[in-house]
Amino acid sequence: VKINDTQIKLTSTEYDLLSLLARNEGKVLTHQYLLKEIWGPGFINQSQYLRVFIAQLRKKIETDPNRPLYIQTESGVGYRFTAS
């Protein structure tokens, strides 16, 4: 993954999560859907996994992780990726 010609190192799980979000740009993906797709059906209720990995991704790809532009939180539902 590159941001402004700078290569960003991601773990395989971070990459899978970012890739899934990016392929569904503009769509809200629920917590349960993301957990099932990335970690498997046994992790649907493990929302802490998702919060940790979203926070790690934001630190790596956002200019200001506290005011994310790319990975938006949809409170109580999930996350939405926007490229602009």
N, C-alpha and C. Protein backbone atom coordinates (compact mmCIF):
# COMPACT_ATOMS: atom_id res chain seq x y z
N VAL A 1 0.86 -1.18 0.00
CA VAL A 1 0.00 0.00 0.00
C VAL A 1 0.90 1.23 0.00
N LYS A 2 0.55 2.20 -0.85
CA LYS A 2 1.31 3.45 -0.90
C LYS A 2 0.40 4.63 -0.63
N ILE A 3 0.94 5.58 0.11
CA ILE A 3 0.24 6.84 0.37
C ILE A 3 1.21 7.94 -0.01
N ASN A 4 0.84 8.76 -0.99
CA ASN A 4 1.71 9.84 -1.46
C ASN A 4 3.12 9.34 -1.76
N ASP A 5 3.22 8.26 -2.51
CA ASP A 5 4.49 7.65 -2.92
C ASP A 5 5.31 7.08 -1.77
N THR A 6 4.72 6.97 -0.60
CA THR A 6 5.39 6.37 0.54
C THR A 6 4.76 5.01 0.81
N GLN A 7 5.59 3.99 0.82
CA GLN A 7 5.08 2.65 1.06
C GLN A 7 4.76 2.48 2.54
N ILE A 8 3.56 1.96 2.81
CA ILE A 8 3.08 1.73 4.17
C ILE A 8 3.10 0.22 4.42
N LYS A 9 3.74 -0.19 5.49
CA LYS A 9 3.78 -1.62 5.82
C LYS A 9 2.54 -1.99 6.62
N LEU A 10 1.83 -3.00 6.13
CA LEU A 10 0.64 -3.50 6.80
C LEU A 10 0.82 -4.98 7.11
N THR A 11 0.22 -5.42 8.20
CA THR A 11 0.17 -6.85 8.46
C THR A 11 -0.81 -7.47 7.46
N SER A 12 -0.81 -8.77 7.33
CA SER A 12 -1.73 -9.41 6.39
C SER A 12 -3.18 -9.16 6.78
N THR A 13 -3.47 -9.13 8.06
CA THR A 13 -4.84 -8.86 8.51
C THR A 13 -5.22 -7.41 8.22
N GLU A 14 -4.32 -6.47 8.48
CA GLU A 14 -4.60 -5.07 8.16
C GLU A 14 -4.86 -4.91 6.66
N TYR A 15 -4.03 -5.57 5.86
CA TYR A 15 -4.20 -5.49 4.41
C TYR A 15 -5.54 -6.07 3.98
N ASP A 16 -5.90 -7.23 4.51
CA ASP A 16 -7.18 -7.85 4.17
C ASP A 16 -8.35 -6.95 4.55
N LEU A 17 -8.28 -6.34 5.71
CA LEU A 17 -9.34 -5.45 6.17
C LEU A 17 -9.44 -4.20 5.30
N LEU A 18 -8.31 -3.57 5.02
CA LEU A 18 -8.30 -2.38 4.18
C LEU A 18 -8.78 -2.71 2.76
N SER A 19 -8.35 -3.84 2.25
CA SER A 19 -8.75 -4.27 0.91
C SER A 19 -10.26 -4.49 0.83
N LEU A 20 -10.83 -5.14 1.83
CA LEU A 20 -12.27 -5.37 1.87
C LEU A 20 -13.03 -4.06 1.93
N LEU A 21 -12.58 -3.14 2.77
CA LEU A 21 -13.22 -1.84 2.87
C LEU A 21 -13.12 -1.08 1.54
N ALA A 22 -11.94 -1.09 0.94
CA ALA A 22 -11.72 -0.35 -0.31
C ALA A 22 -12.53 -0.93 -1.47
N ARG A 23 -12.66 -2.24 -1.53
CA ARG A 23 -13.46 -2.86 -2.60
C ARG A 23 -14.93 -2.50 -2.49
N ASN A 24 -15.34 -2.08 -1.30
CA ASN A 24 -16.73 -1.71 -1.05
C ASN A 24 -16.85 -0.22 -0.75
N GLU A 25 -16.02 0.57 -1.41
CA GLU A 25 -15.97 2.01 -1.17
C GLU A 25 -17.37 2.63 -1.19
N GLY A 26 -17.63 3.44 -0.17
CA GLY A 26 -18.90 4.14 -0.08
C GLY A 26 -20.00 3.36 0.62
N LYS A 27 -19.82 2.07 0.79
CA LYS A 27 -20.82 1.23 1.45
C LYS A 27 -20.47 1.06 2.91
N VAL A 28 -21.49 1.03 3.75
CA VAL A 28 -21.28 0.73 5.16
C VAL A 28 -21.20 -0.78 5.30
N LEU A 29 -20.10 -1.25 5.88
CA LEU A 29 -19.94 -2.67 6.15
C LEU A 29 -20.12 -2.86 7.65
N THR A 30 -21.02 -3.76 8.03
CA THR A 30 -21.32 -3.95 9.45
C THR A 30 -20.16 -4.60 10.18
N HIS A 31 -20.16 -4.40 11.48
CA HIS A 31 -19.14 -5.02 12.33
C HIS A 31 -19.14 -6.54 12.11
N GLN A 32 -20.33 -7.14 12.15
CA GLN A 32 -20.45 -8.58 12.01
C GLN A 32 -19.92 -9.07 10.66
N TYR A 33 -20.24 -8.35 9.60
CA TYR A 33 -19.77 -8.73 8.26
C TYR A 33 -18.25 -8.69 8.19
N LEU A 34 -17.66 -7.62 8.68
CA LEU A 34 -16.21 -7.47 8.65
C LEU A 34 -15.53 -8.57 9.48
N LEU A 35 -16.05 -8.82 10.66
CA LEU A 35 -15.47 -9.86 11.51
C LEU A 35 -15.56 -11.23 10.85
N LYS A 36 -16.70 -11.54 10.26
CA LYS A 36 -16.89 -12.83 9.61
C LYS A 36 -15.96 -12.99 8.41
N GLU A 37 -15.84 -11.94 7.60
CA GLU A 37 -15.03 -12.02 6.39
C GLU A 37 -13.52 -12.07 6.69
N ILE A 38 -13.08 -11.37 7.71
CA ILE A 38 -11.64 -11.30 8.00
C ILE A 38 -11.19 -12.39 8.98
N TRP A 39 -11.94 -12.61 10.04
CA TRP A 39 -11.52 -13.56 11.07
C TRP A 39 -12.29 -14.89 11.04
N GLY A 40 -13.44 -14.91 10.39
CA GLY A 40 -14.24 -16.13 10.32
C GLY A 40 -15.48 -16.06 11.18
N PRO A 41 -16.42 -16.98 10.96
CA PRO A 41 -17.71 -16.94 11.64
C PRO A 41 -17.63 -17.05 13.16
N GLY A 42 -16.59 -17.65 13.68
CA GLY A 42 -16.45 -17.79 15.13
C GLY A 42 -16.10 -16.49 15.84
N PHE A 43 -15.87 -15.41 15.09
CA PHE A 43 -15.43 -14.14 15.68
C PHE A 43 -16.48 -13.03 15.54
N ILE A 44 -17.69 -13.39 15.13
CA ILE A 44 -18.72 -12.38 14.86
C ILE A 44 -18.99 -11.48 16.06
N ASN A 45 -18.84 -11.99 17.26
CA ASN A 45 -19.12 -11.19 18.46
C ASN A 45 -17.87 -10.57 19.08
N GLN A 46 -16.74 -10.65 18.38
CA GLN A 46 -15.47 -10.14 18.91
C GLN A 46 -15.17 -8.74 18.35
N SER A 47 -16.03 -7.79 18.63
CA SER A 47 -15.87 -6.46 18.04
C SER A 47 -14.59 -5.76 18.49
N GLN A 48 -14.01 -6.18 19.60
CA GLN A 48 -12.75 -5.58 20.05
C GLN A 48 -11.64 -5.80 19.03
N TYR A 49 -11.62 -6.98 18.38
CA TYR A 49 -10.63 -7.24 17.33
C TYR A 49 -10.71 -6.16 16.27
N LEU A 50 -11.92 -5.89 15.85
CA LEU A 50 -12.15 -4.93 14.77
C LEU A 50 -11.71 -3.53 15.19
N ARG A 51 -12.09 -3.11 16.38
CA ARG A 51 -11.70 -1.77 16.86
C ARG A 51 -10.18 -1.60 16.90
N VAL A 52 -9.48 -2.62 17.35
CA VAL A 52 -8.02 -2.56 17.43
C VAL A 52 -7.42 -2.42 16.03
N PHE A 53 -7.87 -3.23 15.10
CA PHE A 53 -7.29 -3.20 13.75
C PHE A 53 -7.67 -1.93 12.99
N ILE A 54 -8.88 -1.43 13.19
CA ILE A 54 -9.26 -0.15 12.57
C ILE A 54 -8.38 0.96 13.11
N ALA A 55 -8.14 0.97 14.41
CA ALA A 55 -7.27 1.99 15.02
C ALA A 55 -5.85 1.90 14.45
N GLN A 56 -5.34 0.68 14.28
CA GLN A 56 -3.99 0.51 13.71
C GLN A 56 -3.94 1.01 12.28
N LEU A 57 -4.97 0.68 11.49
CA LEU A 57 -5.01 1.16 10.10
C LEU A 57 -5.06 2.67 10.04
N ARG A 58 -5.88 3.26 10.88
CA ARG A 58 -5.99 4.72 10.89
C ARG A 58 -4.65 5.37 11.22
N LYS A 59 -3.92 4.82 12.15
CA LYS A 59 -2.60 5.37 12.49
C LYS A 59 -1.66 5.32 11.31
N LYS A 60 -1.82 4.31 10.47
CA LYS A 60 -0.91 4.12 9.35
C LYS A 60 -1.32 4.89 8.09
N ILE A 61 -2.63 5.09 7.86
CA ILE A 61 -3.04 5.69 6.59
C ILE A 61 -3.66 7.08 6.71
N GLU A 62 -4.08 7.46 7.89
CA GLU A 62 -4.73 8.76 8.06
C GLU A 62 -3.71 9.83 8.45
N THR A 63 -3.89 11.05 7.97
CA THR A 63 -3.06 12.17 8.38
C THR A 63 -3.30 12.45 9.86
N ASP A 64 -4.57 12.46 10.26
CA ASP A 64 -4.95 12.65 11.66
C ASP A 64 -5.89 11.51 12.04
N PRO A 65 -5.38 10.47 12.69
CA PRO A 65 -6.21 9.32 13.03
C PRO A 65 -7.44 9.66 13.89
N ASN A 66 -7.38 10.78 14.61
CA ASN A 66 -8.52 11.18 15.43
C ASN A 66 -9.62 11.85 14.61
N ARG A 67 -9.30 12.24 13.40
CA ARG A 67 -10.27 12.82 12.46
C ARG A 67 -10.10 12.12 11.11
N PRO A 68 -10.49 10.86 11.06
CA PRO A 68 -10.24 10.06 9.86
C PRO A 68 -11.00 10.55 8.63
N LEU A 69 -10.30 10.53 7.50
CA LEU A 69 -10.92 10.88 6.22
C LEU A 69 -11.28 9.64 5.42
N TYR A 70 -10.49 8.58 5.57
CA TYR A 70 -10.68 7.39 4.75
C TYR A 70 -11.59 6.35 5.38
N ILE A 71 -11.38 6.04 6.63
CA ILE A 71 -12.18 5.02 7.30
C ILE A 71 -13.12 5.72 8.28
N GLN A 72 -14.37 5.81 7.88
CA GLN A 72 -15.39 6.50 8.67
C GLN A 72 -16.14 5.50 9.55
N THR A 73 -16.41 5.89 10.78
CA THR A 73 -17.22 5.08 11.68
C THR A 73 -18.68 5.42 11.49
N GLU A 74 -19.49 4.40 11.32
CA GLU A 74 -20.94 4.56 11.30
C GLU A 74 -21.41 3.99 12.64
N SER A 75 -21.65 4.88 13.61
CA SER A 75 -21.91 4.48 14.99
C SER A 75 -22.96 3.39 15.11
N GLY A 76 -22.58 2.35 15.85
CA GLY A 76 -23.49 1.25 16.11
C GLY A 76 -23.73 0.32 14.94
N VAL A 77 -23.11 0.60 13.78
CA VAL A 77 -23.35 -0.20 12.59
C VAL A 77 -22.07 -0.83 12.06
N GLY A 78 -21.08 0.01 11.72
CA GLY A 78 -19.85 -0.51 11.13
C GLY A 78 -18.95 0.60 10.63
N TYR A 79 -18.32 0.35 9.47
CA TYR A 79 -17.36 1.30 8.92
C TYR A 79 -17.59 1.48 7.43
N ARG A 80 -17.22 2.66 6.94
CA ARG A 80 -17.33 3.00 5.53
C ARG A 80 -15.97 3.55 5.07
N PHE A 81 -15.53 3.11 3.89
CA PHE A 81 -14.29 3.61 3.32
C PHE A 81 -14.61 4.62 2.24
N THR A 82 -13.94 5.76 2.28
CA THR A 82 -14.06 6.75 1.22
C THR A 82 -12.66 7.14 0.78
N ALA A 83 -12.45 7.16 -0.52
CA ALA A 83 -11.11 7.44 -1.06
C ALA A 83 -10.79 8.92 -1.11
N SER A 84 -11.79 9.76 -0.99
CA SER A 84 -11.50 11.20 -1.08
C SER A 84 -11.85 11.93 0.18
